Amino acid sequence: MKYRYLGESGLLVSRVCLGTMTFGTEGWGCDQQAADEITHLFLDSGGNFIDTADMYAHGQSEEMLGKALRGHDRDDLVLATKCWFRMRSTPNAKGLSRKHILEAVEASLKRLNTDYIDLYQVHGPDPFTPLEETMKALDDLVRSGKVRYIGCSNFHGWQIAKANGISDHLGLYRFVGGQYMYNLLRRDSERDILPACADAGMGVLCWSPLAGGMLTGKYNRDDGPVEGSRVDLRAATDLPRYWNEQSFQVIDELKSVAREIDKSPGQVALAWLLKDQRITSIIVGAKSSSQLTDNLLVADWDLSDSLHQRLSDVVPFSLGYPNDWATLSWSNIAGDEEF
């Protein structure tokens, strides 16, 4: 297993992170026995980084993870969880208010059966709560010892800059990581998120690195989603997000590359992400140990530069405005410098 620093922090994490959204999730998830097997396989393979969230299976994922980790040295692990989603019907049991954050972390600590959380992430932006309030609450958690590092997920680039700017101004702890949807089929994060995180010294954690299973190559464009598959069960979310002709053009080429180098399409897709050094870790979920075994190959294996570029070029990806404007105008201010 190879390890990378989480942004500019001193925290080393395995470049494959075990995602536990499958733990306890009805339909396409797994039970406690499978969760134990998956967790033990991951740790035995050298992985040290595990991600969950309070809203996964409405708290059950955290509880199952806490049970799966019994008997393991807590200090050898890097546990990450998140808050933001509504957890109860009462008015304040959601968002990023000080009240909810402090209550949410206590609930997560109890479910995980641990004294501290290594990486506590806000799961999304809260337009109703001032960022100053959120960052101060997160800072208090670090200073209290209940949290070691803080991060964000699904923030816009400008919100990343604003949040860390507030922390710099007030002398608070900053975000060290950002968790974002990024894969070969959805490269939106290249426009704004990856540059914003790099500028802020934040590592990027990729969720949905296999595009809901699409990049495993198991779906056929003509047949539609297999009944009972994850894409079928999450059709309202995943079909608009991933199921289109351009996606299948990428998947066709992905399968071709995989055959040429005797790897699975999923392994190649994950390795494509890790080629970018801005990416700290890819979050890989599984509902069985056999699924995880296939994905763990990328813990040590790297894709070549030429194959990375080949896959990147299947469907032209435009960074859009203002990037295209800057490219066209670059020569107006450049050319006289040596470097």
Protein backbone atom coordinates (compact mmCIF):
# COMPACT_ATOMS: atom_id res chain seq x y z
CA MET A 1 0.00 0.00 0.00
CA LYS A 2 1.29 3.45 -0.92
CA TYR A 3 0.53 6.47 1.26
CA ARG A 4 0.12 10.16 0.56
CA TYR A 5 0.06 13.23 2.78
CA LEU A 6 -3.35 14.82 3.16
CA GLY A 7 -2.66 18.17 1.52
CA GLU A 8 -0.03 20.18 3.34
CA SER A 9 -0.78 18.49 6.66
CA GLY A 10 1.54 15.93 8.20
CA LEU A 11 -1.14 13.23 8.07
CA LEU A 12 -0.26 10.16 5.97
CA VAL A 13 -3.21 8.20 4.60
CA SER A 14 -3.45 5.18 2.32
CA ARG A 15 -4.18 6.25 -1.23
CA VAL A 16 -7.10 3.84 -1.21
CA CYS A 17 -9.67 4.86 1.40
CA LEU A 18 -12.35 2.41 2.50
CA GLY A 19 -15.75 3.97 1.98
CA THR A 20 -18.49 2.59 4.21
CA MET A 21 -21.66 3.91 2.60
CA THR A 22 -22.55 0.27 1.85
CA PHE A 23 -22.54 -0.66 5.55
CA GLY A 24 -26.16 -1.18 6.52
CA THR A 25 -27.59 0.40 3.36
CA GLU A 26 -30.76 -1.37 2.29
CA GLY A 27 -30.79 -2.89 -1.19
CA TRP A 28 -27.19 -2.53 -2.36
CA GLY A 29 -25.40 -2.60 0.98
CA CYS A 30 -24.06 -5.25 3.35
CA ASP A 31 -24.65 -6.66 6.84
CA GLN A 32 -22.35 -6.66 9.87
CA GLN A 33 -20.57 -9.90 8.95
CA ALA A 34 -19.68 -8.61 5.49
CA ALA A 35 -18.67 -5.24 6.97
CA ASP A 36 -16.30 -7.02 9.37
CA GLU A 37 -14.75 -9.04 6.53
CA ILE A 38 -14.35 -5.99 4.30
CA THR A 39 -12.80 -3.89 7.08
CA HIS A 40 -10.37 -6.60 8.16
CA LEU A 41 -9.28 -7.25 4.56
CA PHE A 42 -8.66 -3.55 4.03
CA LEU A 43 -6.59 -3.18 7.20
CA ASP A 44 -4.66 -6.39 6.54
CA SER A 45 -3.79 -5.01 3.08
CA GLY A 46 -2.12 -1.97 4.65
CA GLY A 47 -5.00 0.48 4.40
CA ASN A 48 -5.30 2.94 7.28
CA PHE A 49 -7.91 5.42 6.02
CA ILE A 50 -11.67 4.79 6.46
CA ASP A 51 -14.47 7.22 5.62
CA THR A 52 -18.08 7.28 6.77
CA ALA A 53 -20.81 9.83 7.55
CA ASP A 54 -23.56 10.20 10.10
CA MET A 55 -26.23 10.02 7.39
CA TYR A 56 -25.05 6.73 5.84
CA ALA A 57 -27.86 4.29 6.66
CA HIS A 58 -28.96 6.97 9.14
CA GLY A 59 -26.12 6.29 11.58
CA GLN A 60 -25.95 2.54 11.09
CA SER A 61 -22.78 2.75 9.00
CA GLU A 62 -20.90 4.44 11.85
CA GLU A 63 -22.22 1.88 14.33
CA MET A 64 -21.22 -1.07 12.12
CA LEU A 65 -17.78 0.43 11.51
CA GLY A 66 -17.26 0.91 15.23
CA LYS A 67 -18.01 -2.78 15.78
CA ALA A 68 -15.82 -3.87 12.86
CA LEU A 69 -12.83 -2.01 14.33
CA ARG A 70 -12.93 -3.71 17.72
CA GLY A 71 -9.59 -5.28 18.50
CA HIS A 72 -7.64 -2.97 16.17
CA ASP A 73 -5.21 -0.34 17.47
CA ARG A 74 -7.14 2.93 17.21
CA ASP A 75 -3.98 5.01 16.86
CA ASP A 76 -3.01 3.11 13.70
CA LEU A 77 -6.21 4.23 11.97
CA VAL A 78 -7.34 7.43 10.30
CA LEU A 79 -11.11 7.67 10.74
CA ALA A 80 -13.11 10.25 8.83
CA THR A 81 -16.78 11.11 9.15
CA LYS A 82 -19.11 13.95 8.18
CA CYS A 83 -22.12 16.01 9.27
CA TRP A 84 -24.63 18.31 7.52
CA PHE A 85 -27.63 16.15 6.57
CA ARG A 86 -30.80 16.22 8.64
CA MET A 87 -30.65 13.46 11.24
CA ARG A 88 -33.96 14.09 13.05
CA SER A 89 -37.18 15.94 12.27
CA THR A 90 -36.49 18.71 14.79
CA PRO A 91 -35.58 22.14 13.32
CA ASN A 92 -31.90 22.29 14.30
CA ALA A 93 -30.86 18.70 13.59
CA LYS A 94 -29.21 19.64 10.27
CA GLY A 95 -26.80 22.02 8.59
CA LEU A 96 -23.63 23.63 9.90
CA SER A 97 -24.79 25.65 12.88
CA ARG A 98 -22.67 25.49 15.99
CA LYS A 99 -25.49 23.67 17.75
CA HIS A 100 -25.79 20.94 15.15
CA ILE A 101 -22.04 20.43 14.64
CA LEU A 102 -21.39 19.98 18.36
CA GLU A 103 -24.32 17.60 18.74
CA ALA A 104 -23.44 15.70 15.58
CA VAL A 105 -19.83 15.05 16.58
CA GLU A 106 -20.87 13.69 19.96
CA ALA A 107 -23.34 11.34 18.29
CA SER A 108 -20.69 10.15 15.81
CA LEU A 109 -18.15 9.54 18.56
CA LYS A 110 -20.68 7.39 20.39
CA ARG A 111 -21.65 5.39 17.30
CA LEU A 112 -18.02 4.87 16.27
CA ASN A 113 -17.09 3.94 19.85
CA THR A 114 -14.03 6.18 19.79
CA ASP A 115 -12.69 9.15 21.75
CA TYR A 116 -11.66 11.18 18.72
CA ILE A 117 -12.19 11.59 14.97
CA ASP A 118 -9.13 12.07 12.80
CA LEU A 119 -10.82 13.96 9.95
CA TYR A 120 -14.17 15.65 10.56
CA GLN A 121 -15.76 16.96 7.37
CA VAL A 122 -18.73 19.19 6.71
CA HIS A 123 -20.78 17.28 4.14
CA GLY A 124 -22.01 20.30 2.19
CA PRO A 125 -22.38 24.08 2.30
CA ASP A 126 -25.03 25.65 4.54
CA PRO A 127 -26.39 28.90 3.03
CA PHE A 128 -28.26 29.70 6.26
CA THR A 129 -25.28 29.67 8.64
CA PRO A 130 -22.40 32.17 8.53
CA LEU A 131 -19.13 30.45 7.67
CA GLU A 132 -17.54 32.21 10.65
CA GLU A 133 -19.88 30.29 12.97
CA THR A 134 -19.09 27.00 11.28
CA MET A 135 -15.32 27.46 11.26
CA LYS A 136 -15.26 28.56 14.92
CA ALA A 137 -17.24 25.48 15.94
CA LEU A 138 -14.89 23.20 14.00
CA ASP A 139 -11.87 24.96 15.53
CA ASP A 140 -13.26 24.33 19.01
CA LEU A 141 -13.56 20.62 18.22
CA VAL A 142 -9.88 20.45 17.24
CA ARG A 143 -8.75 22.38 20.30
CA SER A 144 -10.87 20.14 22.54
CA GLY A 145 -9.12 17.02 21.17
CA LYS A 146 -12.31 15.44 19.84
CA VAL A 147 -11.18 16.09 16.25
CA ARG A 148 -7.66 16.10 14.80
CA TYR A 149 -8.21 17.69 11.35
CA ILE A 150 -11.13 19.28 9.50
CA GLY A 151 -12.26 19.15 5.90
CA CYS A 152 -15.17 19.91 3.61
CA SER A 153 -17.19 18.15 0.95
CA ASN A 154 -19.22 19.48 -1.98
CA PHE A 155 -18.24 23.13 -1.37
CA HIS A 156 -17.80 25.47 -4.33
CA GLY A 157 -14.27 26.68 -4.97
CA TRP A 158 -15.09 30.16 -3.70
CA GLN A 159 -16.48 28.68 -0.48
CA ILE A 160 -13.22 26.79 0.09
CA ALA A 161 -11.28 30.04 -0.33
CA LYS A 162 -13.67 31.96 1.92
CA ALA A 163 -13.67 29.35 4.69
CA ASN A 164 -9.89 29.11 4.86
CA GLY A 165 -9.61 32.88 4.55
CA ILE A 166 -11.83 33.24 7.62
CA SER A 167 -9.64 30.77 9.49
CA ASP A 168 -6.48 32.64 8.52
CA HIS A 169 -7.99 35.96 9.62
CA LEU A 170 -9.26 34.65 12.95
CA GLY A 171 -6.38 32.28 13.74
CA LEU A 172 -8.51 29.13 13.41
CA TYR A 173 -7.69 25.70 12.05
CA ARG A 174 -8.11 25.40 8.27
CA PHE A 175 -9.54 22.71 6.03
CA VAL A 176 -6.85 20.21 5.05
CA GLY A 177 -8.96 18.07 2.73
CA GLY A 178 -11.88 18.27 0.32
CA GLN A 179 -14.08 15.31 -0.61
CA TYR A 180 -15.57 15.52 -4.11
CA MET A 181 -17.25 13.50 -6.85
CA TYR A 182 -14.56 12.92 -9.45
CA ASN A 183 -14.20 10.15 -12.00
CA LEU A 184 -13.60 9.55 -15.71
CA LEU A 185 -17.26 10.24 -16.50
CA ARG A 186 -17.69 13.38 -14.38
CA ARG A 187 -14.67 15.67 -14.52
CA ASP A 188 -16.40 18.87 -13.37
CA SER A 189 -13.98 19.20 -10.45
CA GLU A 190 -11.12 19.96 -12.84
CA ARG A 191 -12.62 23.39 -13.60
CA ASP A 192 -12.60 24.94 -10.15
CA ILE A 193 -12.40 22.45 -7.28
CA LEU A 194 -9.00 20.85 -7.94
CA PRO A 195 -7.29 24.22 -8.50
CA ALA A 196 -8.97 25.68 -5.40
CA CYS A 197 -7.89 22.76 -3.21
CA ALA A 198 -4.34 22.82 -4.58
CA ASP A 199 -4.08 26.57 -3.95
CA ALA A 200 -5.32 26.09 -0.37
CA GLY A 201 -2.92 23.22 0.32
CA MET A 202 -5.79 20.74 0.63
CA GLY A 203 -5.73 17.12 -0.43
CA VAL A 204 -8.62 15.84 -2.56
CA LEU A 205 -10.57 12.69 -1.70
CA CYS A 206 -12.61 11.27 -4.58
CA TRP A 207 -16.06 9.90 -3.92
CA SER A 208 -17.84 7.82 -6.56
CA PRO A 209 -14.51 7.06 -8.29
CA LEU A 210 -16.19 4.25 -10.26
CA ALA A 211 -19.23 6.36 -11.17
CA GLY A 212 -21.68 4.21 -9.24
CA GLY A 213 -20.26 1.06 -10.81
CA MET A 214 -20.49 2.31 -14.39
CA LEU A 215 -16.69 2.22 -14.76
CA THR A 216 -16.53 -1.46 -13.88
CA GLY A 217 -17.81 -2.05 -17.41
CA LYS A 218 -20.67 -4.27 -16.30
CA TYR A 219 -23.46 -2.19 -17.85
CA ASN A 220 -24.60 -2.34 -21.46
CA ARG A 221 -25.91 0.83 -23.12
CA ASP A 222 -28.63 -1.08 -25.02
CA ASP A 223 -29.93 -3.22 -22.16
CA GLY A 224 -30.21 -0.52 -19.52
CA PRO A 225 -29.30 -0.96 -15.82
CA VAL A 226 -29.42 -4.52 -14.52
CA GLU A 227 -32.44 -4.97 -12.27
CA GLY A 228 -31.42 -4.74 -8.63
CA SER A 229 -28.01 -3.20 -9.44
CA ARG A 230 -26.85 -0.04 -7.70
CA VAL A 231 -27.53 2.13 -10.75
CA ASP A 232 -31.02 0.61 -10.99
CA LEU A 233 -31.77 1.21 -7.31
CA ARG A 234 -30.38 4.75 -7.52
CA ALA A 235 -31.78 5.47 -10.97
CA ALA A 236 -33.14 8.90 -10.07
CA THR A 237 -29.62 10.03 -9.12
CA ASP A 238 -27.22 7.95 -11.20
CA LEU A 239 -28.95 7.81 -14.58
CA PRO A 240 -28.94 11.61 -15.12
CA ARG A 241 -25.44 11.79 -13.67
CA TYR A 242 -23.74 9.04 -15.69
CA TRP A 243 -25.95 7.26 -18.25
CA ASN A 244 -25.33 8.93 -21.62
CA GLU A 245 -23.61 8.24 -24.94
CA GLN A 246 -20.42 10.11 -24.04
CA SER A 247 -20.06 7.99 -20.89
CA PHE A 248 -20.26 4.81 -22.91
CA GLN A 249 -17.66 6.11 -25.35
CA VAL A 250 -15.29 6.47 -22.40
CA ILE A 251 -16.28 3.06 -21.02
CA ASP A 252 -15.63 1.38 -24.38
CA GLU A 253 -12.11 2.78 -24.47
CA LEU A 254 -11.62 1.92 -20.81
CA LYS A 255 -12.46 -1.71 -21.55
CA SER A 256 -10.05 -1.70 -24.48
CA VAL A 257 -7.18 -0.38 -22.34
CA ALA A 258 -7.99 -2.90 -19.59
CA ARG A 259 -7.79 -5.81 -22.04
CA GLU A 260 -4.46 -4.58 -23.40
CA ILE A 261 -2.77 -4.47 -20.01
CA ASP A 262 -4.63 -7.39 -18.38
CA LYS A 263 -6.38 -5.31 -15.74
CA SER A 264 -10.06 -4.84 -14.93
CA PRO A 265 -11.84 -1.68 -16.17
CA GLY A 266 -12.38 -0.63 -12.56
CA GLN A 267 -8.70 -0.91 -11.73
CA VAL A 268 -7.76 1.24 -14.71
CA ALA A 269 -10.41 3.85 -13.83
CA LEU A 270 -9.13 4.14 -10.27
CA ALA A 271 -5.51 4.34 -11.39
CA TRP A 272 -6.47 7.15 -13.79
CA LEU A 273 -7.52 9.26 -10.81
CA LEU A 274 -4.39 8.56 -8.77
CA LYS A 275 -2.17 9.74 -11.63
CA ASP A 276 -3.01 13.29 -10.54
CA GLN A 277 -0.88 14.18 -7.53
CA ARG A 278 -3.55 16.61 -6.33
CA ILE A 279 -5.58 13.53 -5.44
CA THR A 280 -4.72 12.21 -1.99
CA SER A 281 -6.99 9.18 -1.89
CA ILE A 282 -9.85 7.46 -3.70
CA ILE A 283 -12.83 6.35 -1.64
CA VAL A 284 -13.70 2.78 -2.59
CA GLY A 285 -16.84 1.12 -1.27
CA ALA A 286 -17.71 -2.56 -1.42
CA LYS A 287 -20.49 -4.88 -0.32
CA SER A 288 -18.24 -7.95 -0.32
CA SER A 289 -14.56 -8.69 0.29
CA SER A 290 -14.19 -9.96 -3.30
CA GLN A 291 -15.23 -6.55 -4.64
CA LEU A 292 -12.66 -4.85 -2.45
CA THR A 293 -9.90 -7.24 -3.48
CA ASP A 294 -10.20 -6.18 -7.12
CA ASN A 295 -10.01 -2.49 -6.25
CA LEU A 296 -7.06 -2.84 -3.88
CA LEU A 297 -4.68 -3.53 -6.75
CA VAL A 298 -4.34 0.23 -7.30
CA ALA A 299 -2.91 0.56 -3.81
CA ASP A 300 0.47 -0.10 -5.44
CA TRP A 301 -0.03 -0.10 -9.22
CA ASP A 302 0.26 3.03 -11.40
CA LEU A 303 -1.13 3.76 -14.86
CA SER A 304 1.33 4.90 -17.53
CA ASP A 305 1.38 8.50 -18.73
CA SER A 306 0.36 7.51 -22.25
CA LEU A 307 -2.66 5.47 -21.15
CA HIS A 308 -3.74 8.22 -18.77
CA GLN A 309 -3.68 10.71 -21.61
CA ARG A 310 -5.42 8.30 -23.98
CA LEU A 311 -8.36 7.92 -21.62
CA SER A 312 -8.46 11.65 -20.92
CA ASP A 313 -8.76 12.40 -24.62
CA VAL A 314 -11.68 10.04 -25.47
CA VAL A 315 -14.26 12.77 -24.94
CA PRO A 316 -12.88 16.33 -25.13
CA PHE A 317 -13.31 18.04 -21.77
CA SER A 318 -13.61 21.80 -21.76
CA LEU A 319 -12.66 23.81 -18.71
CA GLY A 320 -14.94 26.53 -20.07
CA TYR A 321 -14.89 30.23 -19.27
CA PRO A 322 -12.79 31.95 -17.94
CA ASN A 323 -10.15 29.29 -18.63
CA ASP A 324 -10.61 29.49 -22.40
CA TRP A 325 -10.39 33.30 -22.28
CA ALA A 326 -7.14 33.11 -20.28
CA THR A 327 -5.67 30.62 -22.75
CA LEU A 328 -6.50 32.81 -25.75
CA SER A 329 -5.16 35.93 -24.03
CA TRP A 330 -2.04 34.43 -22.45
CA SER A 331 0.34 35.64 -25.14
CA ASN A 332 -0.59 39.25 -24.38
CA ILE A 333 1.18 39.16 -21.01
CA ALA A 334 3.69 36.35 -21.54
CA GLY A 335 6.80 35.74 -23.61
CA ASP A 336 9.41 38.08 -22.14
CA GLU A 337 10.18 35.99 -19.06
CA GLU A 338 12.80 33.26 -18.89
CA PHE A 339 10.58 31.01 -16.80
